[in-house]
Amino acid sequence: MPGRKEQTMKRAKNATLVFCLFIVYCVLLSQGLKASAVSAFFGALAAVPLTVHLYRRLLPLPPEKDAGDRGPRQRVRRDAVDAEPECVPGRVDGRVGHAD
């Protein structure tokens, strides 16, 4: 199944990126802030989920192209009952029919 393989590759890529982020935080905390090894480890352990959460919150994932057989959802306005359809055959500039 090609979908399953793509999903597995996507999860592997995300796990690798999180691991690399963890290593970067460990290096930054230990070298940049001169923290001990244990402090840098636990600081990175706390910072990675926070960073991932903020990243997903500020930059949400775009909708998937293969989200299913359904098309994009149409938004229903509150005044949809009273509103006229936007596309009516034969309607030109708010008038029905031709005004020649």
PDB file of N, CA and C in Angstrom:
ATOM      1  N   MET A   1       0.834  -1.176   0.000  1.00  0.00           N
ATOM      2  CA  MET A   1       0.000   0.000   0.000  1.00  0.00           C
ATOM      3  C   MET A   1       0.885   1.247   0.000  1.00  0.00           C
ATOM      4  N   PRO A   2       0.773   2.082  -1.017  1.00  0.00           N
ATOM      5  CA  PRO A   2       1.632   3.268  -1.072  1.00  0.00           C
ATOM      6  C   PRO A   2       1.321   4.271   0.027  1.00  0.00           C
ATOM      7  N   GLY A   3       0.080   4.360   0.477  1.00  0.00           N
ATOM      8  CA  GLY A   3      -0.274   5.311   1.524  1.00  0.00           C
ATOM      9  C   GLY A   3       0.383   4.969   2.845  1.00  0.00           C
ATOM     10  N   ARG A   4       0.476   3.691   3.138  1.00  0.00           N
ATOM     11  CA  ARG A   4       1.082   3.257   4.396  1.00  0.00           C
ATOM     12  C   ARG A   4       2.572   3.539   4.409  1.00  0.00           C
ATOM     13  N   LYS A   5       3.238   3.324   3.271  1.00  0.00           N
ATOM     14  CA  LYS A   5       4.676   3.580   3.179  1.00  0.00           C
ATOM     15  C   LYS A   5       4.961   5.078   3.310  1.00  0.00           C
ATOM     16  N   GLU A   6       4.145   5.879   2.670  1.00  0.00           N
ATOM     17  CA  GLU A   6       4.319   7.331   2.773  1.00  0.00           C
ATOM     18  C   GLU A   6       4.106   7.806   4.203  1.00  0.00           C
ATOM     19  N   GLN A   7       3.125   7.238   4.879  1.00  0.00           N
ATOM     20  CA  GLN A   7       2.847   7.608   6.268  1.00  0.00           C
ATOM     21  C   GLN A   7       4.019   7.211   7.162  1.00  0.00           C
ATOM     22  N   THR A   8       4.598   6.028   6.929  1.00  0.00           N
ATOM     23  CA  THR A   8       5.740   5.575   7.710  1.00  0.00           C
ATOM     24  C   THR A   8       6.941   6.483   7.474  1.00  0.00           C
ATOM     25  N   MET A   9       7.167   6.867   6.237  1.00  0.00           N
ATOM     26  CA  MET A   9       8.293   7.757   5.919  1.00  0.00           C
ATOM     27  C   MET A   9       8.095   9.138   6.547  1.00  0.00           C
ATOM     28  N   LYS A  10       6.864   9.612   6.551  1.00  0.00           N
ATOM     29  CA  LYS A  10       6.565  10.912   7.147  1.00  0.00           C
ATOM     30  C   LYS A  10       6.820  10.879   8.654  1.00  0.00           C
ATOM     31  N   ARG A  11       6.398   9.798   9.309  1.00  0.00           N
ATOM     32  CA  ARG A  11       6.628   9.665  10.749  1.00  0.00           C
ATOM     33  C   ARG A  11       8.119   9.551  11.062  1.00  0.00           C
ATOM     34  N   ALA A  12       8.866   8.820  10.229  1.00  0.00           N
ATOM     35  CA  ALA A  12      10.312   8.691  10.426  1.00  0.00           C
ATOM     36  C   ALA A  12      10.995  10.046  10.258  1.00  0.00           C
ATOM     37  N   LYS A  13      10.554  10.809   9.268  1.00  0.00           N
ATOM     38  CA  LYS A  13      11.131  12.140   9.054  1.00  0.00           C
ATOM     39  C   LYS A  13      10.851  13.053  10.238  1.00  0.00           C
ATOM     40  N   ASN A  14       9.625  13.029  10.735  1.00  0.00           N
ATOM     41  CA  ASN A  14       9.275  13.869  11.883  1.00  0.00           C
ATOM     42  C   ASN A  14      10.049  13.462  13.126  1.00  0.00           C
ATOM     43  N   ALA A  15      10.220  12.167  13.349  1.00  0.00           N
ATOM     44  CA  ALA A  15      10.981  11.695  14.507  1.00  0.00           C
ATOM     45  C   ALA A  15      12.448  12.115  14.400  1.00  0.00           C
ATOM     46  N   THR A  16      13.002  12.050  13.209  1.00  0.00           N
ATOM     47  CA  THR A  16      14.387  12.463  13.005  1.00  0.00           C
ATOM     48  C   THR A  16      14.544  13.959  13.248  1.00  0.00           C
ATOM     49  N   LEU A  17      13.590  14.749  12.789  1.00  0.00           N
ATOM     50  CA  LEU A  17      13.661  16.192  13.014  1.00  0.00           C
ATOM     51  C   LEU A  17      13.560  16.536  14.499  1.00  0.00           C
ATOM     52  N   VAL A  18      12.713  15.841  15.228  1.00  0.00           N
ATOM     53  CA  VAL A  18      12.589  16.069  16.672  1.00  0.00           C
ATOM     54  C   VAL A  18      13.882  15.675  17.378  1.00  0.00           C
ATOM     55  N   PHE A  19      14.490  14.566  16.972  1.00  0.00           N
ATOM     56  CA  PHE A  19      15.758  14.151  17.562  1.00  0.00           C
ATOM     57  C   PHE A  19      16.858  15.186  17.292  1.00  0.00           C
ATOM     58  N   CYS A  20      16.912  15.696  16.065  1.00  0.00           N
ATOM     59  CA  CYS A  20      17.908  16.731  15.741  1.00  0.00           C
ATOM     60  C   CYS A  20      17.660  18.005  16.549  1.00  0.00           C
ATOM     61  N   LEU A  21      16.412  18.379  16.744  1.00  0.00           N
ATOM     62  CA  LEU A  21      16.076  19.535  17.557  1.00  0.00           C
ATOM     63  C   LEU A  21      16.530  19.322  19.001  1.00  0.00           C
ATOM     64  N   PHE A  22      16.359  18.110  19.504  1.00  0.00           N
ATOM     65  CA  PHE A  22      16.813  17.775  20.848  1.00  0.00           C
ATOM     66  C   PHE A  22      18.332  17.945  20.959  1.00  0.00           C
ATOM     67  N   ILE A  23      19.078  17.463  19.991  1.00  0.00           N
ATOM     68  CA  ILE A  23      20.543  17.589  20.001  1.00  0.00           C
ATOM     69  C   ILE A  23      20.945  19.056  19.952  1.00  0.00           C
ATOM     70  N   VAL A  24      20.287  19.845  19.121  1.00  0.00           N
ATOM     71  CA  VAL A  24      20.607  21.275  19.029  1.00  0.00           C
ATOM     72  C   VAL A  24      20.357  21.967  20.366  1.00  0.00           C
ATOM     73  N   TYR A  25      19.227  21.656  20.999  1.00  0.00           N
ATOM     74  CA  TYR A  25      18.960  22.254  22.312  1.00  0.00           C
ATOM     75  C   TYR A  25      19.987  21.806  23.351  1.00  0.00           C
ATOM     76  N   CYS A  26      20.393  20.551  23.324  1.00  0.00           N
ATOM     77  CA  CYS A  26      21.422  20.089  24.265  1.00  0.00           C
ATOM     78  C   CYS A  26      22.722  20.868  24.073  1.00  0.00           C
ATOM     79  N   VAL A  27      23.122  21.049  22.829  1.00  0.00           N
ATOM     80  CA  VAL A  27      24.364  21.777  22.553  1.00  0.00           C
ATOM     81  C   VAL A  27      24.226  23.240  22.956  1.00  0.00           C
ATOM     82  N   LEU A  28      23.105  23.858  22.600  1.00  0.00           N
ATOM     83  CA  LEU A  28      22.920  25.269  22.949  1.00  0.00           C
ATOM     84  C   LEU A  28      22.903  25.496  24.460  1.00  0.00           C
ATOM     85  N   LEU A  29      22.225  24.615  25.170  1.00  0.00           N
ATOM     86  CA  LEU A  29      22.151  24.789  26.620  1.00  0.00           C
ATOM     87  C   LEU A  29      23.483  24.501  27.296  1.00  0.00           C
ATOM     88  N   SER A  30      24.189  23.478  26.833  1.00  0.00           N
ATOM     89  CA  SER A  30      25.440  23.124  27.502  1.00  0.00           C
ATOM     90  C   SER A  30      26.569  24.083  27.130  1.00  0.00           C
ATOM     91  N   GLN A  31      26.662  24.481  25.887  1.00  0.00           N
ATOM     92  CA  GLN A  31      27.761  25.352  25.457  1.00  0.00           C
ATOM     93  C   GLN A  31      27.417  26.826  25.578  1.00  0.00           C
ATOM     94  N   GLY A  32      26.223  27.178  25.149  1.00  0.00           N
ATOM     95  CA  GLY A  32      25.853  28.589  25.160  1.00  0.00           C
ATOM     96  C   GLY A  32      25.537  29.122  26.541  1.00  0.00           C
ATOM     97  N   LEU A  33      24.802  28.376  27.322  1.00  0.00           N
ATOM     98  CA  LEU A  33      24.430  28.817  28.666  1.00  0.00           C
ATOM     99  C   LEU A  33      25.304  28.207  29.751  1.00  0.00           C
ATOM    100  N   LYS A  34      26.272  27.393  29.345  1.00  0.00           N
ATOM    101  CA  LYS A  34      27.212  26.760  30.277  1.00  0.00           C
ATOM    102  C   LYS A  34      26.497  25.945  31.347  1.00  0.00           C
ATOM    103  N   ALA A  35      25.451  25.240  30.954  1.00  0.00           N
ATOM    104  CA  ALA A  35      24.715  24.387  31.882  1.00  0.00           C
ATOM    105  C   ALA A  35      25.439  23.046  32.003  1.00  0.00           C
ATOM    106  N   SER A  36      25.204  22.364  33.092  1.00  0.00           N
ATOM    107  CA  SER A  36      25.800  21.035  33.258  1.00  0.00           C
ATOM    108  C   SER A  36      25.126  20.068  32.292  1.00  0.00           C
ATOM    109  N   ALA A  37      25.693  18.893  32.154  1.00  0.00           N
ATOM    110  CA  ALA A  37      25.170  17.909  31.207  1.00  0.00           C
ATOM    111  C   ALA A  37      23.752  17.484  31.575  1.00  0.00           C
ATOM    112  N   VAL A  38      23.518  17.278  32.864  1.00  0.00           N
ATOM    113  CA  VAL A  38      22.190  16.859  33.308  1.00  0.00           C
ATOM    114  C   VAL A  38      21.184  17.986  33.096  1.00  0.00           C
ATOM    115  N   SER A  39      21.566  19.215  33.408  1.00  0.00           N
ATOM    116  CA  SER A  39      20.668  20.355  33.213  1.00  0.00           C
ATOM    117  C   SER A  39      20.360  20.571  31.733  1.00  0.00           C
ATOM    118  N   ALA A  40      21.368  20.427  30.888  1.00  0.00           N
ATOM    119  CA  ALA A  40      21.159  20.588  29.454  1.00  0.00           C
ATOM    120  C   ALA A  40      20.236  19.501  28.920  1.00  0.00           C
ATOM    121  N   PHE A  41      20.400  18.274  29.408  1.00  0.00           N
ATOM    122  CA  PHE A  41      19.551  17.162  28.965  1.00  0.00           C
ATOM    123  C   PHE A  41      18.096  17.417  29.324  1.00  0.00           C
ATOM    124  N   PHE A  42      17.853  17.757  30.598  1.00  0.00           N
ATOM    125  CA  PHE A  42      16.471  17.969  31.021  1.00  0.00           C
ATOM    126  C   PHE A  42      15.887  19.257  30.431  1.00  0.00           C
ATOM    127  N   GLY A  43      16.726  20.260  30.224  1.00  0.00           N
ATOM    128  CA  GLY A  43      16.254  21.479  29.570  1.00  0.00           C
ATOM    129  C   GLY A  43      15.829  21.215  28.138  1.00  0.00           C
ATOM    130  N   ALA A  44      16.620  20.425  27.424  1.00  0.00           N
ATOM    131  CA  ALA A  44      16.268  20.067  26.048  1.00  0.00           C
ATOM    132  C   ALA A  44      15.048  19.173  26.022  1.00  0.00           C
ATOM    133  N   LEU A  45      14.949  18.289  27.006  1.00  0.00           N
ATOM    134  CA  LEU A  45      13.795  17.399  27.100  1.00  0.00           C
ATOM    135  C   LEU A  45      12.505  18.196  27.303  1.00  0.00           C
ATOM    136  N   ALA A  46      12.586  19.300  28.004  1.00  0.00           N
ATOM    137  CA  ALA A  46      11.409  20.143  28.219  1.00  0.00           C
ATOM    138  C   ALA A  46      11.165  21.091  27.047  1.00  0.00           C
ATOM    139  N   ALA A  47      12.217  21.534  26.399  1.00  0.00           N
ATOM    140  CA  ALA A  47      12.089  22.541  25.340  1.00  0.00           C
ATOM    141  C   ALA A  47      11.571  21.964  24.024  1.00  0.00           C
ATOM    142  N   VAL A  48      11.882  20.719  23.730  1.00  0.00           N
ATOM    143  CA  VAL A  48      11.476  20.134  22.443  1.00  0.00           C
ATOM    144  C   VAL A  48       9.959  20.046  22.304  1.00  0.00           C
ATOM    145  N   PRO A  49       9.224  19.478  23.262  1.00  0.00           N
ATOM    146  CA  PRO A  49       7.761  19.441  23.089  1.00  0.00           C
ATOM    147  C   PRO A  49       7.138  20.833  23.034  1.00  0.00           C
ATOM    148  N   LEU A  50       7.698  21.764  23.800  1.00  0.00           N
ATOM    149  CA  LEU A  50       7.197  23.129  23.765  1.00  0.00           C
ATOM    150  C   LEU A  50       7.411  23.752  22.389  1.00  0.00           C
ATOM    151  N   THR A  51       8.581  23.537  21.817  1.00  0.00           N
ATOM    152  CA  THR A  51       8.880  24.076  20.487  1.00  0.00           C
ATOM    153  C   THR A  51       7.971  23.460  19.428  1.00  0.00           C
ATOM    154  N   VAL A  52       7.779  22.150  19.489  1.00  0.00           N
ATOM    155  CA  VAL A  52       6.908  21.469  18.518  1.00  0.00           C
ATOM    156  C   VAL A  52       5.478  21.975  18.648  1.00  0.00           C
ATOM    157  N   HIS A  53       5.010  22.144  19.881  1.00  0.00           N
ATOM    158  CA  HIS A  53       3.657  22.644  20.103  1.00  0.00           C
ATOM    159  C   HIS A  53       3.493  24.057  19.541  1.00  0.00           C
ATOM    160  N   LEU A  54       4.438  24.930  19.832  1.00  0.00           N
ATOM    161  CA  LEU A  54       4.354  26.306  19.331  1.00  0.00           C
ATOM    162  C   LEU A  54       4.442  26.351  17.814  1.00  0.00           C
ATOM    163  N   TYR A  55       5.291  25.522  17.234  1.00  0.00           N
ATOM    164  CA  TYR A  55       5.419  25.485  15.784  1.00  0.00           C
ATOM    165  C   TYR A  55       4.107  25.050  15.134  1.00  0.00           C
ATOM    166  N   ARG A  56       3.492  24.001  15.677  1.00  0.00           N
ATOM    167  CA  ARG A  56       2.219  23.528  15.117  1.00  0.00           C
ATOM    168  C   ARG A  56       1.097  24.513  15.363  1.00  0.00           C
ATOM    169  N   ARG A  57       1.175  25.249  16.447  1.00  0.00           N
ATOM    170  CA  ARG A  57       0.129  26.228  16.769  1.00  0.00           C
ATOM    171  C   ARG A  57       0.226  27.459  15.863  1.00  0.00           C
ATOM    172  N   LEU A  58       1.468  27.923  15.627  1.00  0.00           N
ATOM    173  CA  LEU A  58       1.658  29.129  14.819  1.00  0.00           C
ATOM    174  C   LEU A  58       1.606  28.842  13.328  1.00  0.00           C
ATOM    175  N   LEU A  59       2.086  27.693  12.916  1.00  0.00           N
ATOM    176  CA  LEU A  59       2.095  27.325  11.502  1.00  0.00           C
ATOM    177  C   LEU A  59       1.384  25.983  11.325  1.00  0.00           C
ATOM    178  N   PRO A  60       0.055  25.976  11.258  1.00  0.00           N
ATOM    179  CA  PRO A  60      -0.662  24.702  11.147  1.00  0.00           C
ATOM    180  C   PRO A  60      -0.380  24.014   9.818  1.00  0.00           C
ATOM    181  N   LEU A  61      -0.561  22.709   9.829  1.00  0.00           N
ATOM    182  CA  LEU A  61      -0.332  21.925   8.623  1.00  0.00           C
ATOM    183  C   LEU A  61      -1.378  22.253   7.562  1.00  0.00           C
ATOM    184  N   PRO A  62      -0.963  22.302   6.297  1.00  0.00           N
ATOM    185  CA  PRO A  62      -1.968  22.518   5.250  1.00  0.00           C
ATOM    186  C   PRO A  62      -2.823  21.269   5.104  1.00  0.00           C
ATOM    187  N   PRO A  63      -4.055  21.429   4.606  1.00  0.00           N
ATOM    188  CA  PRO A  63      -4.902  20.245   4.422  1.00  0.00           C
ATOM    189  C   PRO A  63      -4.280  19.298   3.404  1.00  0.00           C
ATOM    190  N   GLU A  64      -4.431  18.010   3.647  1.00  0.00           N
ATOM    191  CA  GLU A  64      -3.849  17.007   2.761  1.00  0.00           C
ATOM    192  C   GLU A  64      -4.639  16.932   1.465  1.00  0.00           C
ATOM    193  N   LYS A  65      -3.948  16.684   0.374  1.00  0.00           N
ATOM    194  CA  LYS A  65      -4.612  16.583  -0.922  1.00  0.00           C
ATOM    195  C   LYS A  65      -5.434  15.312  -1.019  1.00  0.00           C
ATOM    196  N   ASP A  66      -4.979  14.256  -0.344  1.00  0.00           N
ATOM    197  CA  ASP A  66      -5.673  12.973  -0.391  1.00  0.00           C
ATOM    198  C   ASP A  66      -6.501  12.781   0.872  1.00  0.00           C
ATOM    199  N   ALA A  67      -7.202  13.801   1.311  1.00  0.00           N
ATOM    200  CA  ALA A  67      -7.934  13.740   2.573  1.00  0.00           C
ATOM    201  C   ALA A  67      -9.145  12.828   2.494  1.00  0.00           C
ATOM    202  N   GLY A  68      -9.486  12.354   1.346  1.00  0.00           N
ATOM    203  CA  GLY A  68     -10.641  11.467   1.206  1.00  0.00           C
ATOM    204  C   GLY A  68     -11.349  11.757  -0.093  1.00  0.00           C
ATOM    205  N   ASP A  69     -12.494  11.132  -0.240  1.00  0.00           N
ATOM    206  CA  ASP A  69     -13.267  11.314  -1.464  1.00  0.00           C
ATOM    207  C   ASP A  69     -14.074  12.596  -1.450  1.00  0.00           C
ATOM    208  N   ARG A  70     -14.213  13.185  -0.275  1.00  0.00           N
ATOM    209  CA  ARG A  70     -15.010  14.398  -0.173  1.00  0.00           C
ATOM    210  C   ARG A  70     -14.229  15.589  -0.724  1.00  0.00           C
ATOM    211  N   GLY A  71     -14.940  16.514  -1.283  1.00  0.00           N
ATOM    212  CA  GLY A  71     -14.341  17.741  -1.753  1.00  0.00           C
ATOM    213  C   GLY A  71     -14.192  18.723  -0.606  1.00  0.00           C
ATOM    214  N   PRO A  72     -13.729  19.921  -0.906  1.00  0.00           N
ATOM    215  CA  PRO A  72     -13.609  20.903   0.163  1.00  0.00           C
ATOM    216  C   PRO A  72     -14.976  21.278   0.709  1.00  0.00           C
ATOM    217  N   ARG A  73     -15.021  21.525   1.999  1.00  0.00           N
ATOM    218  CA  ARG A  73     -16.290  21.879   2.637  1.00  0.00           C
ATOM    219  C   ARG A  73     -16.705  23.288   2.258  1.00  0.00           C
ATOM    220  N   GLN A  74     -17.982  23.438   2.042  1.00  0.00           N
ATOM    221  CA  GLN A  74     -18.498  24.767   1.777  1.00  0.00           C
ATOM    222  C   GLN A  74     -18.943  25.376   3.092  1.00  0.00           C
ATOM    223  N   ARG A  75     -18.606  26.628   3.280  1.00  0.00           N
ATOM    224  CA  ARG A  75     -19.024  27.309   4.492  1.00  0.00           C
ATOM    225  C   ARG A  75     -20.439  27.828   4.315  1.00  0.00           C
ATOM    226  N   VAL A  76     -21.247  27.604   5.307  1.00  0.00           N
ATOM    227  CA  VAL A  76     -22.637  28.036   5.259  1.00  0.00           C
ATOM    228  C   VAL A  76     -22.754  29.314   6.072  1.00  0.00           C
ATOM    229  N   ARG A  77     -23.299  30.331   5.432  1.00  0.00           N
ATOM    230  CA  ARG A  77     -23.482  31.600   6.140  1.00  0.00           C
ATOM    231  C   ARG A  77     -24.738  31.525   6.987  1.00  0.00           C
ATOM    232  N   ARG A  78     -24.796  32.360   7.990  1.00  0.00           N
ATOM    233  CA  ARG A  78     -25.978  32.384   8.855  1.00  0.00           C
ATOM    234  C   ARG A  78     -27.214  32.837   8.094  1.00  0.00           C
ATOM    235  N   ASP A  79     -27.018  33.747   7.166  1.00  0.00           N
ATOM    236  CA  ASP A  79     -28.160  34.254   6.419  1.00  0.00           C
ATOM    237  C   ASP A  79     -28.339  33.495   5.100  1.00  0.00           C
ATOM    238  N   ALA A  80     -27.917  32.246   5.069  1.00  0.00           N
ATOM    239  CA  ALA A  80     -27.986  31.461   3.837  1.00  0.00           C
ATOM    240  C   ALA A  80     -29.421  31.207   3.412  1.00  0.00           C
ATOM    241  N   VAL A  81     -30.337  31.181   4.355  1.00  0.00           N
ATOM    242  CA  VAL A  81     -31.736  30.950   4.015  1.00  0.00           C
ATOM    243  C   VAL A  81     -32.282  32.141   3.235  1.00  0.00           C
ATOM    244  N   ASP A  82     -31.897  33.343   3.637  1.00  0.00           N
ATOM    245  CA  ASP A  82     -32.407  34.549   3.000  1.00  0.00           C
ATOM    246  C   ASP A  82     -31.577  34.976   1.793  1.00  0.00           C
ATOM    247  N   ALA A  83     -30.356  34.477   1.693  1.00  0.00           N
ATOM    248  CA  ALA A  83     -29.456  34.935   0.632  1.00  0.00           C
ATOM    249  C   ALA A  83     -29.835  34.309  -0.711  1.00  0.00           C
ATOM    250  N   GLU A  84     -29.564  35.057  -1.762  1.00  0.00           N
ATOM    251  CA  GLU A  84     -29.780  34.542  -3.101  1.00  0.00           C
ATOM    252  C   GLU A  84     -28.548  33.763  -3.528  1.00  0.00           C
ATOM    253  N   PRO A  85     -28.705  32.781  -4.379  1.00  0.00           N
ATOM    254  CA  PRO A  85     -27.530  32.063  -4.882  1.00  0.00           C
ATOM    255  C   PRO A  85     -26.629  33.013  -5.665  1.00  0.00           C
ATOM    256  N   GLU A  86     -25.335  32.762  -5.563  1.00  0.00           N
ATOM    257  CA  GLU A  86     -24.381  33.652  -6.234  1.00  0.00           C
ATOM    258  C   GLU A  86     -24.327  33.405  -7.730  1.00  0.00           C
ATOM    259  N   CYS A  87     -24.592  32.200  -8.154  1.00  0.00           N
ATOM    260  CA  CYS A  87     -24.476  31.876  -9.566  1.00  0.00           C
ATOM    261  C   CYS A  87     -25.816  31.329 -10.061  1.00  0.00           C
ATOM    262  N   VAL A  88     -26.555  32.173 -10.758  1.00  0.00           N
ATOM    263  CA  VAL A  88     -27.836  31.764 -11.305  1.00  0.00           C
ATOM    264  C   VAL A  88     -27.747  31.902 -12.820  1.00  0.00           C
ATOM    265  N   PRO A  89     -28.072  30.843 -13.562  1.00  0.00           N
ATOM    266  CA  PRO A  89     -28.002  30.943 -15.030  1.00  0.00           C
ATOM    267  C   PRO A  89     -28.952  32.019 -15.547  1.00  0.00           C
ATOM    268  N   GLY A  90     -28.484  32.803 -16.470  1.00  0.00           N
ATOM    269  CA  GLY A  90     -29.313  33.834 -17.088  1.00  0.00           C
ATOM    270  C   GLY A  90     -29.347  35.127 -16.308  1.00  0.00           C
ATOM    271  N   ARG A  91     -28.649  35.218 -15.215  1.00  0.00           N
ATOM    272  CA  ARG A  91     -28.669  36.432 -14.396  1.00  0.00           C
ATOM    273  C   ARG A  91     -27.454  37.277 -14.745  1.00  0.00           C
ATOM    274  N   VAL A  92     -27.702  38.519 -15.117  1.00  0.00           N
ATOM    275  CA  VAL A  92     -26.618  39.431 -15.478  1.00  0.00           C
ATOM    276  C   VAL A  92     -26.780  40.698 -14.664  1.00  0.00           C
ATOM    277  N   ASP A  93     -25.768  41.057 -13.915  1.00  0.00           N
ATOM    278  CA  ASP A  93     -25.770  42.285 -13.115  1.00  0.00           C
ATOM    279  C   ASP A  93     -27.015  42.414 -12.238  1.00  0.00           C
ATOM    280  N   GLY A  94     -27.432  41.345 -11.613  1.00  0.00           N
ATOM    281  CA  GLY A  94     -28.567  41.412 -10.713  1.00  0.00           C
ATOM    282  C   GLY A  94     -29.917  41.345 -11.406  1.00  0.00           C
ATOM    283  N   ARG A  95     -29.947  41.280 -12.713  1.00  0.00           N
ATOM    284  CA  ARG A  95     -31.210  41.193 -13.451  1.00  0.00           C
ATOM    285  C   ARG A  95     -31.320  39.840 -14.137  1.00  0.00           C
ATOM    286  N   VAL A  96     -32.487  39.334 -14.241  1.00  0.00           N
ATOM    287  CA  VAL A  96     -32.715  38.070 -14.912  1.00  0.00           C
ATOM    288  C   VAL A  96     -33.001  38.347 -16.373  1.00  0.00           C
ATOM    289  N   GLY A  97     -32.391  37.550 -17.261  1.00  0.00           N
ATOM    290  CA  GLY A  97     -32.632  37.724 -18.690  1.00  0.00           C
ATOM    291  C   GLY A  97     -31.696  38.733 -19.306  1.00  0.00           C
ATOM    292  N   HIS A  98     -31.935  39.041 -20.544  1.00  0.00           N
ATOM    293  CA  HIS A  98     -31.089  39.986 -21.273  1.00  0.00           C
ATOM    294  C   HIS A  98     -31.768  41.340 -21.326  1.00  0.00           C
ATOM    295  N   ALA A  99     -30.984  42.379 -21.167  1.00  0.00           N
ATOM    296  CA  ALA A  99     -31.534  43.729 -21.249  1.00  0.00           C
ATOM    297  C   ALA A  99     -30.862  44.453 -22.398  1.00  0.00           C
ATOM    298  N   ASP A 100     -31.197  44.055 -23.629  1.00  0.00           N
ATOM    299  CA  ASP A 100     -30.599  44.685 -24.803  1.00  0.00           C
ATOM    300  C   ASP A 100     -31.441  45.835 -25.303  1.00  0.00           C
TER     301      ASP A 100
END
